[in-house]
Protein backbone atom coordinates (compact mmCIF):
# COMPACT_ATOMS: atom_id res chain seq x y z
CA UNK A 1 47.27 -6.22 -43.16
CA UNK A 2 43.89 -6.43 -44.88
CA UNK A 3 43.25 -9.79 -43.20
CA UNK A 4 43.82 -8.26 -39.78
CA UNK A 5 41.46 -5.37 -40.50
CA UNK A 6 38.78 -7.76 -41.78
CA UNK A 7 39.06 -9.94 -38.67
CA UNK A 8 38.80 -6.91 -36.39
CA UNK A 9 35.71 -5.71 -38.23
CA UNK A 10 34.07 -9.10 -37.70
CA UNK A 11 34.21 -8.53 -33.95
CA UNK A 12 32.82 -5.00 -33.93
CA UNK A 13 29.75 -4.42 -31.82
CA UNK A 14 26.47 -3.63 -33.55
CA UNK A 15 25.26 -0.03 -33.51
CA UNK A 16 23.42 1.29 -30.48
CA UNK A 17 23.76 1.41 -26.74
CA UNK A 18 22.29 -2.00 -25.89
CA UNK A 19 25.19 -4.08 -27.28
CA UNK A 20 27.70 -1.88 -25.47
CA UNK A 21 25.70 -2.10 -22.25
CA UNK A 22 25.50 -5.90 -22.50
CA UNK A 23 29.26 -6.09 -23.05
CA UNK A 24 30.04 -3.86 -20.05
CA UNK A 25 27.67 -5.75 -17.76
CA UNK A 26 29.04 -9.11 -18.89
CA UNK A 27 32.60 -8.00 -18.08
CA UNK A 28 31.56 -6.79 -14.63
CA UNK A 29 29.61 -9.99 -13.98
CA UNK A 30 32.63 -12.06 -15.05
CA UNK A 31 34.72 -10.44 -12.32
CA UNK A 32 31.88 -11.10 -9.88
CA UNK A 33 31.97 -14.77 -10.92
CA UNK A 34 35.70 -14.95 -10.24
CA UNK A 35 35.16 -13.36 -6.85
CA UNK A 36 32.57 -15.96 -5.84
CA UNK A 37 35.07 -18.75 -6.43
CA UNK A 38 37.86 -17.02 -4.50
CA UNK A 39 36.27 -15.86 -1.25
CA UNK A 40 33.03 -15.83 0.73
CA UNK A 41 33.65 -12.42 2.30
CA UNK A 42 32.08 -10.20 -0.36
CA UNK A 43 29.12 -12.53 -0.81
CA UNK A 44 28.53 -12.40 2.94
CA UNK A 45 28.58 -8.61 2.75
CA UNK A 46 25.99 -8.64 -0.04
CA UNK A 47 23.71 -10.84 2.07
CA UNK A 48 24.61 -9.06 5.30
CA UNK A 49 21.47 -10.03 7.15
CA UNK A 50 22.01 -13.78 6.86
CA UNK A 51 25.66 -14.70 7.44
CA UNK A 52 24.73 -18.24 8.43
CA UNK A 53 22.93 -18.84 5.12
CA UNK A 54 25.98 -18.04 2.99
CA UNK A 55 27.99 -21.20 2.51
CA UNK A 56 30.55 -22.34 -0.09
CA UNK A 57 28.01 -24.40 -2.04
CA UNK A 58 25.57 -21.50 -2.35
CA UNK A 59 28.35 -19.15 -3.33
CA UNK A 60 29.63 -21.49 -6.05
CA UNK A 61 26.08 -22.00 -7.31
CA UNK A 62 25.60 -18.23 -7.52
CA UNK A 63 28.97 -17.93 -9.32
CA UNK A 64 28.05 -20.61 -11.85
CA UNK A 65 24.66 -19.00 -12.49
CA UNK A 66 26.38 -15.65 -12.99
CA UNK A 67 28.89 -17.24 -15.39
CA UNK A 68 26.04 -18.64 -17.51
CA UNK A 69 24.47 -15.17 -17.65
CA UNK A 70 27.89 -13.71 -18.61
CA UNK A 71 28.09 -16.06 -21.59
CA UNK A 72 24.56 -15.23 -22.71
CA UNK A 73 25.09 -11.46 -22.35
CA UNK A 74 28.44 -11.57 -24.14
CA UNK A 75 26.96 -13.58 -27.01
CA UNK A 76 23.96 -11.26 -27.16
CA UNK A 77 26.17 -8.18 -27.31
CA UNK A 78 27.81 -9.36 -30.53
CA UNK A 79 24.79 -11.10 -32.10
CA UNK A 80 22.03 -8.59 -31.41
CA UNK A 81 20.33 -9.13 -34.78
CA UNK A 82 20.26 -12.94 -34.47
CA UNK A 83 16.73 -14.02 -33.52
CA UNK A 84 17.82 -17.41 -32.13
């Protein structure tokens, strides 16, 4: 039981609002990434003025870029004191 408690405490967020905010935003962005790989419809609604400029390649590129930012935000939420 002590091992489980120690492992849970290793994954606790640092104090403050910024780590929590980064975690929430990374979760939301992760779902946005999934959406970009599933359908073009929502992406076309975001860029409503230029339907012809939204294509599968651009959508996947946007999704991959968002996934990279998800990883960085998620890492930053748990390692706020790490200067690297």
